[in-house]
Amino acid sequence: MKLLRVLLLLTGFSLGVASEAAVASTRIVVIVNKDAITAADVEERIRLLNLSAGKPVTTPVPDDMRKQIIQGMVDEALQLQVAKSKKIKVTDAEVEKSLEGLAKDNKMSLDVMVTMLKSNGISKQTMLTRLKAQIAWGRYIREMYGPLVYISDQEVDTALSKEKEVKIEEPSPDLMDVTLCQAIFDVTPETPEEVMMLLGPKIEETHQAKGCPAFLEAARGFGAKVDANRLVKFGQLPDGLKSLVQKTKTGTCMQPTMTPDGLVLTMVCSKVMPKLAPPMPLTRDTASIALEQEKLGKRAAQEMAKLRTAACIEWK
């Protein structure tokens, strides 16, 4: 009954989490040069990031991660503002086309993706804002600094010579394909202890199942909601979940997690490192483009730092 005691502790611990996840109001979190970012904007962005990571969209995030997410939204606001000040236009049609490409990359139509986002409490506008900021910022950096970037023949020669010395390395662990299955039991902080006593053995049996077929059979048999075979990239997972996935053997479950949606059991069904094709050999043209992108990237980082310093950012 060790797991049952853990479950009872989790139900008591999650009272504050549930209330936090329910907050989605017009309360202003930060003002960026008169543009406001609301609590509702932040919660919706968190939902989007959770969905991208293959987690329940209402999964709470740590305070430091929340601050990083808000800082990213602040940066987007600054990027859109500075692009507008330079009269850099990004049409709605361009942003829509970029969103269609994103849907295609995820092997779905735009309508299907928008419906999926809406069903998870994420508006299409959230995606459009992110994409518009990316497009506008790229154009701003190229317009401001593109003419200043010079690539010499010597730099290209050096890049080509370095390529010959580079050994082909193993692919990054972030590229690993991870298949997760989740069982969500209808357990809340208000669930009576006597009900938990009845559910405990069922949750225990599901938790101890070996392999995804047995896990899913047990979860469905006990009436749990099932999210089967969710494929995600290891690099998309939050740091805390990465650590758990690394430690968890394939075909076994992680420790249960209490979320606003219920008590979640997550099984790691597979961890597969994709085989990467050898990189295309550099030519003088591709080496020159890569060097240009590298220099523009450094300029972009410097410009972003200057914008943050000069901006009037009021945290509420």
C-alpha atoms as a PDB file:
ATOM      1  CA  MET A   1       0.000   0.000   0.000  1.00  0.00           C
ATOM      2  CA  LYS A   2       3.054   2.273  -0.275  1.00  0.00           C
ATOM      3  CA  LEU A   3       1.771   3.733  -3.537  1.00  0.00           C
ATOM      4  CA  LEU A   4      -1.628   4.399  -1.956  1.00  0.00           C
ATOM      5  CA  ARG A   5      -0.008   6.494   0.761  1.00  0.00           C
ATOM      6  CA  VAL A   6       1.798   8.455  -1.960  1.00  0.00           C
ATOM      7  CA  LEU A   7      -1.525   9.047  -3.710  1.00  0.00           C
ATOM      8  CA  LEU A   8      -3.180  10.330  -0.551  1.00  0.00           C
ATOM      9  CA  LEU A   9      -0.293  12.731   0.014  1.00  0.00           C
ATOM     10  CA  LEU A  10      -0.533  13.931  -3.572  1.00  0.00           C
ATOM     11  CA  THR A  11      -4.236  14.730  -3.249  1.00  0.00           C
ATOM     12  CA  GLY A  12      -3.525  16.991  -0.288  1.00  0.00           C
ATOM     13  CA  PHE A  13      -0.510  18.610  -1.926  1.00  0.00           C
ATOM     14  CA  SER A  14      -2.327  19.675  -5.098  1.00  0.00           C
ATOM     15  CA  LEU A  15      -4.905  22.065  -3.594  1.00  0.00           C
ATOM     16  CA  GLY A  16      -2.918  25.173  -4.546  1.00  0.00           C
ATOM     17  CA  VAL A  17      -2.038  23.780  -7.981  1.00  0.00           C
ATOM     18  CA  ALA A  18      -5.659  23.300  -8.998  1.00  0.00           C
ATOM     19  CA  SER A  19      -6.597  26.852  -8.092  1.00  0.00           C
ATOM     20  CA  GLU A  20      -3.579  28.277  -9.938  1.00  0.00           C
ATOM     21  CA  ALA A  21      -4.427  26.357 -13.112  1.00  0.00           C
ATOM     22  CA  ALA A  22      -7.970  27.760 -13.044  1.00  0.00           C
ATOM     23  CA  VAL A  23      -6.753  31.374 -13.210  1.00  0.00           C
ATOM     24  CA  ALA A  24      -7.268  32.809 -16.682  1.00  0.00           C
ATOM     25  CA  SER A  25      -8.409  36.394 -16.328  1.00  0.00           C
ATOM     26  CA  THR A  26      -7.733  39.780 -17.784  1.00  0.00           C
ATOM     27  CA  ARG A  27      -5.401  40.627 -14.916  1.00  0.00           C
ATOM     28  CA  ILE A  28      -2.309  42.345 -16.349  1.00  0.00           C
ATOM     29  CA  VAL A  29       0.965  40.530 -15.662  1.00  0.00           C
ATOM     30  CA  VAL A  30       3.396  42.872 -17.408  1.00  0.00           C
ATOM     31  CA  ILE A  31       3.241  46.023 -19.544  1.00  0.00           C
ATOM     32  CA  VAL A  32       5.756  46.312 -22.379  1.00  0.00           C
ATOM     33  CA  ASN A  33       5.921  49.888 -23.673  1.00  0.00           C
ATOM     34  CA  LYS A  34       2.142  50.270 -23.169  1.00  0.00           C
ATOM     35  CA  ASP A  35       1.344  46.808 -24.600  1.00  0.00           C
ATOM     36  CA  ALA A  36      -0.203  44.600 -21.926  1.00  0.00           C
ATOM     37  CA  ILE A  37       0.300  40.876 -21.407  1.00  0.00           C
ATOM     38  CA  THR A  38      -2.497  39.381 -19.320  1.00  0.00           C
ATOM     39  CA  ALA A  39      -2.709  36.339 -17.093  1.00  0.00           C
ATOM     40  CA  ALA A  40      -5.001  34.780 -19.693  1.00  0.00           C
ATOM     41  CA  ASP A  41      -2.305  35.282 -22.377  1.00  0.00           C
ATOM     42  CA  VAL A  42       0.283  33.586 -20.172  1.00  0.00           C
ATOM     43  CA  GLU A  43      -1.946  30.634 -19.254  1.00  0.00           C
ATOM     44  CA  GLU A  44      -2.791  30.075 -22.907  1.00  0.00           C
ATOM     45  CA  ARG A  45       0.894  30.100 -23.855  1.00  0.00           C
ATOM     46  CA  ILE A  46       1.606  27.575 -21.095  1.00  0.00           C
ATOM     47  CA  ARG A  47      -1.161  25.367 -22.479  1.00  0.00           C
ATOM     48  CA  LEU A  48       0.470  25.547 -25.915  1.00  0.00           C
ATOM     49  CA  LEU A  49       3.898  24.602 -24.573  1.00  0.00           C
ATOM     50  CA  ASN A  50       2.424  21.733 -22.530  1.00  0.00           C
ATOM     51  CA  LEU A  51       0.611  20.443 -25.611  1.00  0.00           C
ATOM     52  CA  SER A  52       3.817  20.632 -27.677  1.00  0.00           C
ATOM     53  CA  ALA A  53       5.598  18.626 -24.972  1.00  0.00           C
ATOM     54  CA  GLY A  54       2.929  15.923 -24.978  1.00  0.00           C
ATOM     55  CA  LYS A  55       1.652  16.766 -21.493  1.00  0.00           C
ATOM     56  CA  PRO A  56      -1.859  17.555 -20.246  1.00  0.00           C
ATOM     57  CA  VAL A  57      -2.372  21.210 -21.130  1.00  0.00           C
ATOM     58  CA  THR A  58      -3.296  22.136 -17.550  1.00  0.00           C
ATOM     59  CA  THR A  59      -0.066  20.760 -16.089  1.00  0.00           C
ATOM     60  CA  PRO A  60       1.362  23.442 -13.747  1.00  0.00           C
ATOM     61  CA  VAL A  61       4.829  24.804 -14.506  1.00  0.00           C
ATOM     62  CA  PRO A  62       7.491  25.829 -11.968  1.00  0.00           C
ATOM     63  CA  ASP A  63       7.819  29.528 -11.162  1.00  0.00           C
ATOM     64  CA  ASP A  64      11.191  29.847 -12.908  1.00  0.00           C
ATOM     65  CA  MET A  65       9.796  28.304 -16.098  1.00  0.00           C
ATOM     66  CA  ARG A  66       6.741  30.575 -15.920  1.00  0.00           C
ATOM     67  CA  LYS A  67       9.084  33.577 -15.691  1.00  0.00           C
ATOM     68  CA  GLN A  68      10.987  32.345 -18.772  1.00  0.00           C
ATOM     69  CA  ILE A  69       7.730  31.938 -20.693  1.00  0.00           C
ATOM     70  CA  ILE A  70       6.618  35.466 -19.798  1.00  0.00           C
ATOM     71  CA  GLN A  71      10.060  36.832 -20.747  1.00  0.00           C
ATOM     72  CA  GLY A  72       9.686  35.167 -24.138  1.00  0.00           C
ATOM     73  CA  MET A  73       6.320  36.882 -24.584  1.00  0.00           C
ATOM     74  CA  VAL A  74       7.908  40.202 -23.583  1.00  0.00           C
ATOM     75  CA  ASP A  75      10.598  39.666 -26.226  1.00  0.00           C
ATOM     76  CA  GLU A  76       7.930  38.950 -28.852  1.00  0.00           C
ATOM     77  CA  ALA A  77       6.158  42.197 -27.973  1.00  0.00           C
ATOM     78  CA  LEU A  78       9.433  44.125 -28.318  1.00  0.00           C
ATOM     79  CA  GLN A  79      10.168  42.453 -31.655  1.00  0.00           C
ATOM     80  CA  LEU A  80       6.769  43.368 -33.059  1.00  0.00           C
ATOM     81  CA  GLN A  81       7.069  46.924 -31.747  1.00  0.00           C
ATOM     82  CA  VAL A  82      10.489  47.613 -33.219  1.00  0.00           C
ATOM     83  CA  ALA A  83       9.494  46.070 -36.573  1.00  0.00           C
ATOM     84  CA  LYS A  84       6.419  48.309 -36.644  1.00  0.00           C
ATOM     85  CA  SER A  85       8.559  51.359 -35.848  1.00  0.00           C
ATOM     86  CA  LYS A  86      10.653  50.588 -38.934  1.00  0.00           C
ATOM     87  CA  LYS A  87       7.498  50.081 -41.028  1.00  0.00           C
ATOM     88  CA  ILE A  88       8.311  46.421 -41.596  1.00  0.00           C
ATOM     89  CA  LYS A  89       5.049  44.774 -42.655  1.00  0.00           C
ATOM     90  CA  VAL A  90       4.018  41.170 -42.221  1.00  0.00           C
ATOM     91  CA  THR A  91       0.710  40.437 -43.920  1.00  0.00           C
ATOM     92  CA  ASP A  92      -1.991  38.200 -42.490  1.00  0.00           C
ATOM     93  CA  ALA A  93      -1.663  36.020 -45.589  1.00  0.00           C
ATOM     94  CA  GLU A  94       2.042  35.453 -44.892  1.00  0.00           C
ATOM     95  CA  VAL A  95       1.395  34.455 -41.291  1.00  0.00           C
ATOM     96  CA  GLU A  96      -1.475  32.166 -42.344  1.00  0.00           C
ATOM     97  CA  LYS A  97       0.787  30.482 -44.900  1.00  0.00           C
ATOM     98  CA  SER A  98       3.445  29.960 -42.233  1.00  0.00           C
ATOM     99  CA  LEU A  99       0.813  28.391 -39.959  1.00  0.00           C
ATOM    100  CA  GLU A 100      -0.268  26.076 -42.785  1.00  0.00           C
ATOM    101  CA  GLY A 101       3.345  24.987 -43.178  1.00  0.00           C
ATOM    102  CA  LEU A 102       3.556  24.252 -39.470  1.00  0.00           C
ATOM    103  CA  ALA A 103       0.417  22.129 -39.687  1.00  0.00           C
ATOM    104  CA  LYS A 104       1.847  20.259 -42.661  1.00  0.00           C
ATOM    105  CA  ASP A 105       5.069  19.586 -40.756  1.00  0.00           C
ATOM    106  CA  ASN A 106       2.906  17.968 -38.068  1.00  0.00           C
ATOM    107  CA  LYS A 107       1.091  15.873 -40.706  1.00  0.00           C
ATOM    108  CA  MET A 108      -2.302  17.525 -40.329  1.00  0.00           C
ATOM    109  CA  SER A 109      -4.439  20.086 -42.123  1.00  0.00           C
ATOM    110  CA  LEU A 110      -4.693  23.636 -40.836  1.00  0.00           C
ATOM    111  CA  ASP A 111      -8.363  23.142 -39.904  1.00  0.00           C
ATOM    112  CA  VAL A 112      -7.547  20.004 -37.913  1.00  0.00           C
ATOM    113  CA  MET A 113      -4.714  21.751 -36.079  1.00  0.00           C
ATOM    114  CA  VAL A 114      -6.850  24.797 -35.249  1.00  0.00           C
ATOM    115  CA  THR A 115      -9.631  22.512 -33.973  1.00  0.00           C
ATOM    116  CA  MET A 116      -7.133  20.596 -31.834  1.00  0.00           C
ATOM    117  CA  LEU A 117      -5.774  23.829 -30.375  1.00  0.00           C
ATOM    118  CA  LYS A 118      -9.268  25.152 -29.652  1.00  0.00           C
ATOM    119  CA  SER A 119     -10.277  21.917 -27.912  1.00  0.00           C
ATOM    120  CA  ASN A 120      -7.290  22.426 -25.597  1.00  0.00           C
ATOM    121  CA  GLY A 121      -8.170  26.026 -24.768  1.00  0.00           C
ATOM    122  CA  ILE A 122      -5.634  27.557 -27.178  1.00  0.00           C
ATOM    123  CA  SER A 123      -6.734  30.183 -29.674  1.00  0.00           C
ATOM    124  CA  LYS A 124      -5.420  30.362 -33.211  1.00  0.00           C
ATOM    125  CA  GLN A 125      -4.320  33.924 -32.432  1.00  0.00           C
ATOM    126  CA  THR A 126      -1.707  32.639 -29.967  1.00  0.00           C
ATOM    127  CA  MET A 127       0.026  30.761 -32.790  1.00  0.00           C
ATOM    128  CA  LEU A 128      -0.358  33.655 -35.220  1.00  0.00           C
ATOM    129  CA  THR A 129       1.234  36.096 -32.768  1.00  0.00           C
ATOM    130  CA  ARG A 130       4.275  33.863 -32.287  1.00  0.00           C
ATOM    131  CA  LEU A 131       4.743  33.360 -36.021  1.00  0.00           C
ATOM    132  CA  LYS A 132       4.259  37.042 -36.842  1.00  0.00           C
ATOM    133  CA  ALA A 133       6.891  38.016 -34.276  1.00  0.00           C
ATOM    134  CA  GLN A 134       9.365  35.504 -35.747  1.00  0.00           C
ATOM    135  CA  ILE A 135       8.834  36.718 -39.309  1.00  0.00           C
ATOM    136  CA  ALA A 136       8.944  40.407 -38.368  1.00  0.00           C
ATOM    137  CA  TRP A 137      12.069  39.995 -36.247  1.00  0.00           C
ATOM    138  CA  GLY A 138      13.900  38.107 -38.981  1.00  0.00           C
ATOM    139  CA  ARG A 139      13.150  40.849 -41.478  1.00  0.00           C
ATOM    140  CA  TYR A 140      14.125  43.575 -39.046  1.00  0.00           C
ATOM    141  CA  ILE A 141      17.523  41.999 -38.312  1.00  0.00           C
ATOM    142  CA  ARG A 142      18.237  41.403 -41.990  1.00  0.00           C
ATOM    143  CA  GLU A 143      17.193  44.943 -42.940  1.00  0.00           C
ATOM    144  CA  MET A 144      19.193  46.561 -40.145  1.00  0.00           C
ATOM    145  CA  TYR A 145      22.321  44.417 -40.181  1.00  0.00           C
ATOM    146  CA  GLY A 146      22.321  42.434 -43.429  1.00  0.00           C
ATOM    147  CA  PRO A 147      24.239  45.139 -45.345  1.00  0.00           C
ATOM    148  CA  LEU A 148      26.838  45.258 -42.541  1.00  0.00           C
ATOM    149  CA  VAL A 149      27.633  41.551 -42.653  1.00  0.00           C
ATOM    150  CA  TYR A 150      30.638  40.748 -44.822  1.00  0.00           C
ATOM    151  CA  ILE A 151      31.914  37.233 -45.475  1.00  0.00           C
ATOM    152  CA  SER A 152      35.502  37.071 -46.739  1.00  0.00           C
ATOM    153  CA  ASP A 153      36.990  34.339 -48.918  1.00  0.00           C
ATOM    154  CA  GLN A 154      39.338  33.526 -46.050  1.00  0.00           C
ATOM    155  CA  GLU A 155      36.408  32.912 -43.692  1.00  0.00           C
ATOM    156  CA  VAL A 156      34.821  30.570 -46.228  1.00  0.00           C
ATOM    157  CA  ASP A 157      38.131  28.722 -46.721  1.00  0.00           C
ATOM    158  CA  THR A 158      38.459  28.319 -42.938  1.00  0.00           C
ATOM    159  CA  ALA A 159      34.899  26.969 -42.646  1.00  0.00           C
ATOM    160  CA  LEU A 160      35.523  24.448 -45.425  1.00  0.00           C
ATOM    161  CA  SER A 161      38.799  23.282 -43.867  1.00  0.00           C
ATOM    162  CA  LYS A 162      37.146  22.875 -40.447  1.00  0.00           C
ATOM    163  CA  GLU A 163      34.420  20.702 -41.969  1.00  0.00           C
ATOM    164  CA  LYS A 164      37.050  18.177 -43.046  1.00  0.00           C
ATOM    165  CA  GLU A 165      38.304  17.944 -39.460  1.00  0.00           C
ATOM    166  CA  VAL A 166      34.882  17.479 -37.878  1.00  0.00           C
ATOM    167  CA  LYS A 167      34.040  13.918 -36.934  1.00  0.00           C
ATOM    168  CA  ILE A 168      30.481  12.721 -37.321  1.00  0.00           C
ATOM    169  CA  GLU A 169      29.042  12.731 -33.822  1.00  0.00           C
ATOM    170  CA  GLU A 170      26.177  10.807 -32.325  1.00  0.00           C
ATOM    171  CA  PRO A 171      22.841  12.602 -32.683  1.00  0.00           C
ATOM    172  CA  SER A 172      21.771  14.775 -29.782  1.00  0.00           C
ATOM    173  CA  PRO A 173      19.601  13.041 -27.152  1.00  0.00           C
ATOM    174  CA  ASP A 174      17.071  15.827 -27.776  1.00  0.00           C
ATOM    175  CA  LEU A 175      16.273  14.168 -31.116  1.00  0.00           C
ATOM    176  CA  MET A 176      15.221  10.904 -29.483  1.00  0.00           C
ATOM    177  CA  ASP A 177      11.637   9.842 -30.241  1.00  0.00           C
ATOM    178  CA  VAL A 178       9.768   9.076 -27.025  1.00  0.00           C
ATOM    179  CA  THR A 179       6.392   7.321 -27.033  1.00  0.00           C
ATOM    180  CA  LEU A 180       4.308   7.900 -23.920  1.00  0.00           C
ATOM    181  CA  CYS A 181       0.992   6.447 -22.807  1.00  0.00           C
ATOM    182  CA  GLN A 182      -1.032   8.062 -20.047  1.00  0.00           C
ATOM    183  CA  ALA A 183      -3.869   6.887 -17.853  1.00  0.00           C
ATOM    184  CA  ILE A 184      -5.836   9.610 -16.065  1.00  0.00           C
ATOM    185  CA  PHE A 185      -7.862   8.516 -13.061  1.00  0.00           C
ATOM    186  CA  ASP A 186     -10.748  10.693 -11.900  1.00  0.00           C
ATOM    187  CA  VAL A 187      -9.146  11.677  -8.607  1.00  0.00           C
ATOM    188  CA  THR A 188      -9.187  15.220  -7.221  1.00  0.00           C
ATOM    189  CA  PRO A 189      -8.089  16.852  -3.966  1.00  0.00           C
ATOM    190  CA  GLU A 190     -11.698  16.498  -2.812  1.00  0.00           C
ATOM    191  CA  THR A 191     -11.891  12.736  -3.408  1.00  0.00           C
ATOM    192  CA  PRO A 192     -12.924  11.109  -0.116  1.00  0.00           C
ATOM    193  CA  GLU A 193     -10.342   8.883   1.544  1.00  0.00           C
ATOM    194  CA  GLU A 194     -12.684   5.884   1.469  1.00  0.00           C
ATOM    195  CA  VAL A 195     -12.948   6.218  -2.333  1.00  0.00           C
ATOM    196  CA  MET A 196      -9.169   6.442  -2.558  1.00  0.00           C
ATOM    197  CA  MET A 197      -8.956   3.217  -0.572  1.00  0.00           C
ATOM    198  CA  LEU A 198     -11.065   1.511  -3.258  1.00  0.00           C
ATOM    199  CA  LEU A 199      -9.212   3.081  -6.183  1.00  0.00           C
ATOM    200  CA  GLY A 200      -5.767   2.428  -4.721  1.00  0.00           C
ATOM    201  CA  PRO A 201      -5.468  -1.254  -5.750  1.00  0.00           C
ATOM    202  CA  LYS A 202      -6.697  -0.456  -9.276  1.00  0.00           C
ATOM    203  CA  ILE A 203      -4.193   2.346  -9.663  1.00  0.00           C
ATOM    204  CA  GLU A 204      -1.507   0.102  -8.176  1.00  0.00           C
ATOM    205  CA  GLU A 205      -2.211  -2.655 -10.711  1.00  0.00           C
ATOM    206  CA  THR A 206      -2.098  -0.157 -13.595  1.00  0.00           C
ATOM    207  CA  HIS A 207       1.128   1.328 -12.241  1.00  0.00           C
ATOM    208  CA  GLN A 208       2.774  -2.090 -11.983  1.00  0.00           C
ATOM    209  CA  ALA A 209       1.766  -3.196 -15.503  1.00  0.00           C
ATOM    210  CA  LYS A 210       4.679  -4.108 -17.746  1.00  0.00           C
ATOM    211  CA  GLY A 211       4.543  -2.947 -21.342  1.00  0.00           C
ATOM    212  CA  CYS A 212       2.086  -0.615 -23.047  1.00  0.00           C
ATOM    213  CA  PRO A 213      -0.542  -3.216 -24.056  1.00  0.00           C
ATOM    214  CA  ALA A 214      -0.904  -4.427 -20.452  1.00  0.00           C
ATOM    215  CA  PHE A 215      -0.880  -0.847 -19.163  1.00  0.00           C
ATOM    216  CA  LEU A 216      -3.611   0.287 -21.561  1.00  0.00           C
ATOM    217  CA  GLU A 217      -5.726  -2.809 -20.908  1.00  0.00           C
ATOM    218  CA  ALA A 218      -5.568  -2.256 -17.154  1.00  0.00           C
ATOM    219  CA  ALA A 219      -6.273   1.490 -17.458  1.00  0.00           C
ATOM    220  CA  ARG A 220      -9.287   0.987 -19.711  1.00  0.00           C
ATOM    221  CA  GLY A 221     -10.551  -1.868 -17.571  1.00  0.00           C
ATOM    222  CA  PHE A 222     -10.567   0.373 -14.521  1.00  0.00           C
ATOM    223  CA  GLY A 223     -12.313   3.240 -16.327  1.00  0.00           C
ATOM    224  CA  ALA A 224      -9.356   5.601 -16.609  1.00  0.00           C
ATOM    225  CA  LYS A 225      -9.107   8.078 -19.463  1.00  0.00           C
ATOM    226  CA  VAL A 226      -6.370   6.966 -21.825  1.00  0.00           C
ATOM    227  CA  ASP A 227      -4.023   8.987 -24.016  1.00  0.00           C
ATOM    228  CA  ALA A 228      -2.278   6.308 -26.051  1.00  0.00           C
ATOM    229  CA  ASN A 229       0.955   6.393 -28.024  1.00  0.00           C
ATOM    230  CA  ARG A 230       1.779  10.087 -27.864  1.00  0.00           C
ATOM    231  CA  LEU A 231       5.026  10.549 -29.801  1.00  0.00           C
ATOM    232  CA  VAL A 232       7.234  13.469 -28.715  1.00  0.00           C
ATOM    233  CA  LYS A 233      10.821  14.550 -29.154  1.00  0.00           C
ATOM    234  CA  PHE A 234      12.907  14.230 -26.011  1.00  0.00           C
ATOM    235  CA  GLY A 235      14.118  17.814 -26.467  1.00  0.00           C
ATOM    236  CA  GLN A 236      10.536  19.124 -26.276  1.00  0.00           C
ATOM    237  CA  LEU A 237      10.032  17.753 -22.778  1.00  0.00           C
ATOM    238  CA  PRO A 238      10.431  20.039 -19.743  1.00  0.00           C
ATOM    239  CA  ASP A 239      13.663  19.495 -17.821  1.00  0.00           C
ATOM    240  CA  GLY A 240      11.931  17.767 -14.920  1.00  0.00           C
ATOM    241  CA  LEU A 241      10.151  15.330 -17.212  1.00  0.00           C
ATOM    242  CA  LYS A 242      13.350  14.704 -19.178  1.00  0.00           C
ATOM    243  CA  SER A 243      15.026  13.467 -16.026  1.00  0.00           C
ATOM    244  CA  LEU A 244      12.126  11.115 -15.273  1.00  0.00           C
ATOM    245  CA  VAL A 245      12.061   9.739 -18.820  1.00  0.00           C
ATOM    246  CA  GLN A 246      15.808   9.090 -18.686  1.00  0.00           C
ATOM    247  CA  LYS A 247      15.488   7.171 -15.428  1.00  0.00           C
ATOM    248  CA  THR A 248      12.417   5.179 -16.431  1.00  0.00           C
ATOM    249  CA  LYS A 249      12.988   1.872 -18.183  1.00  0.00           C
ATOM    250  CA  THR A 250      11.063   1.268 -21.392  1.00  0.00           C
ATOM    251  CA  GLY A 251       7.785  -0.493 -20.673  1.00  0.00           C
ATOM    252  CA  THR A 252       7.473   0.791 -17.093  1.00  0.00           C
ATOM    253  CA  CYS A 253       5.610   3.623 -15.383  1.00  0.00           C
ATOM    254  CA  MET A 254       6.782   6.786 -13.720  1.00  0.00           C
ATOM    255  CA  GLN A 255       5.529   7.746 -10.288  1.00  0.00           C
ATOM    256  CA  PRO A 256       1.938   9.055 -10.330  1.00  0.00           C
ATOM    257  CA  THR A 257       1.411  12.783 -10.748  1.00  0.00           C
ATOM    258  CA  MET A 258      -1.548  14.801  -9.513  1.00  0.00           C
ATOM    259  CA  THR A 259      -2.822  17.356 -12.051  1.00  0.00           C
ATOM    260  CA  PRO A 260      -6.025  19.399 -12.295  1.00  0.00           C
ATOM    261  CA  ASP A 261      -7.280  16.765 -14.776  1.00  0.00           C
ATOM    262  CA  GLY A 262      -6.822  13.932 -12.311  1.00  0.00           C
ATOM    263  CA  LEU A 263      -4.180  11.468 -11.175  1.00  0.00           C
ATOM    264  CA  VAL A 264      -1.884  10.723 -14.124  1.00  0.00           C
ATOM    265  CA  LEU A 265       0.156   7.560 -14.656  1.00  0.00           C
ATOM    266  CA  THR A 266       2.658   7.838 -17.504  1.00  0.00           C
ATOM    267  CA  MET A 267       4.323   4.838 -19.113  1.00  0.00           C
ATOM    268  CA  VAL A 268       7.424   5.164 -21.271  1.00  0.00           C
ATOM    269  CA  CYS A 269       6.558   2.833 -24.133  1.00  0.00           C
ATOM    270  CA  SER A 270       9.630   3.399 -26.271  1.00  0.00           C
ATOM    271  CA  LYS A 271      12.758   5.497 -26.597  1.00  0.00           C
ATOM    272  CA  VAL A 272      14.215   5.438 -30.096  1.00  0.00           C
ATOM    273  CA  MET A 273      17.181   7.435 -31.341  1.00  0.00           C
ATOM    274  CA  PRO A 274      16.648   8.217 -35.044  1.00  0.00           C
ATOM    275  CA  LYS A 275      19.354   7.433 -37.542  1.00  0.00           C
ATOM    276  CA  LEU A 276      20.586  10.647 -39.062  1.00  0.00           C
ATOM    277  CA  ALA A 277      21.683  10.903 -42.658  1.00  0.00           C
ATOM    278  CA  PRO A 278      25.230  12.190 -43.043  1.00  0.00           C
ATOM    279  CA  PRO A 279      25.276  15.974 -43.502  1.00  0.00           C
ATOM    280  CA  MET A 280      25.519  17.340 -47.000  1.00  0.00           C
ATOM    281  CA  PRO A 281      29.058  18.466 -47.757  1.00  0.00           C
ATOM    282  CA  LEU A 282      29.603  22.203 -47.551  1.00  0.00           C
ATOM    283  CA  THR A 283      30.070  24.202 -50.718  1.00  0.00           C
ATOM    284  CA  ARG A 284      31.390  27.726 -50.873  1.00  0.00           C
ATOM    285  CA  ASP A 285      27.822  29.030 -51.209  1.00  0.00           C
ATOM    286  CA  THR A 286      26.384  27.031 -48.298  1.00  0.00           C
ATOM    287  CA  ALA A 287      29.408  27.872 -46.123  1.00  0.00           C
ATOM    288  CA  SER A 288      28.921  31.560 -46.889  1.00  0.00           C
ATOM    289  CA  ILE A 289      25.200  31.369 -46.006  1.00  0.00           C
ATOM    290  CA  ALA A 290      25.959  29.557 -42.737  1.00  0.00           C
ATOM    291  CA  LEU A 291      28.536  32.184 -41.767  1.00  0.00           C
ATOM    292  CA  GLU A 292      26.084  34.958 -42.595  1.00  0.00           C
ATOM    293  CA  GLN A 293      23.385  33.351 -40.424  1.00  0.00           C
ATOM    294  CA  GLU A 294      25.854  32.981 -37.566  1.00  0.00           C
ATOM    295  CA  LYS A 295      26.832  36.651 -37.715  1.00  0.00           C
ATOM    296  CA  LEU A 296      23.225  37.785 -37.998  1.00  0.00           C
ATOM    297  CA  GLY A 297      22.355  35.597 -35.018  1.00  0.00           C
ATOM    298  CA  LYS A 298      24.959  37.379 -32.900  1.00  0.00           C
ATOM    299  CA  ARG A 299      23.642  40.743 -34.063  1.00  0.00           C
ATOM    300  CA  ALA A 300      20.101  39.644 -33.169  1.00  0.00           C
ATOM    301  CA  ALA A 301      21.157  38.679 -29.638  1.00  0.00           C
ATOM    302  CA  GLN A 302      22.893  42.034 -29.155  1.00  0.00           C
ATOM    303  CA  GLU A 303      19.890  43.933 -30.534  1.00  0.00           C
ATOM    304  CA  MET A 304      17.493  42.025 -28.272  1.00  0.00           C
ATOM    305  CA  ALA A 305      19.600  42.928 -25.243  1.00  0.00           C
ATOM    306  CA  LYS A 306      19.506  46.610 -26.243  1.00  0.00           C
ATOM    307  CA  LEU A 307      15.728  46.542 -26.726  1.00  0.00           C
ATOM    308  CA  ARG A 308      15.207  45.042 -23.265  1.00  0.00           C
ATOM    309  CA  THR A 309      17.430  47.688 -21.687  1.00  0.00           C
ATOM    310  CA  ALA A 310      15.720  50.585 -23.462  1.00  0.00           C
ATOM    311  CA  ALA A 311      12.159  49.336 -22.986  1.00  0.00           C
ATOM    312  CA  CYS A 312       9.739  50.394 -20.282  1.00  0.00           C
ATOM    313  CA  ILE A 313       8.785  47.017 -18.810  1.00  0.00           C
ATOM    314  CA  GLU A 314       6.470  47.154 -15.819  1.00  0.00           C
ATOM    315  CA  TRP A 315       5.919  43.876 -13.975  1.00  0.00           C
ATOM    316  CA  LYS A 316       2.666  43.702 -12.016  1.00  0.00           C
END
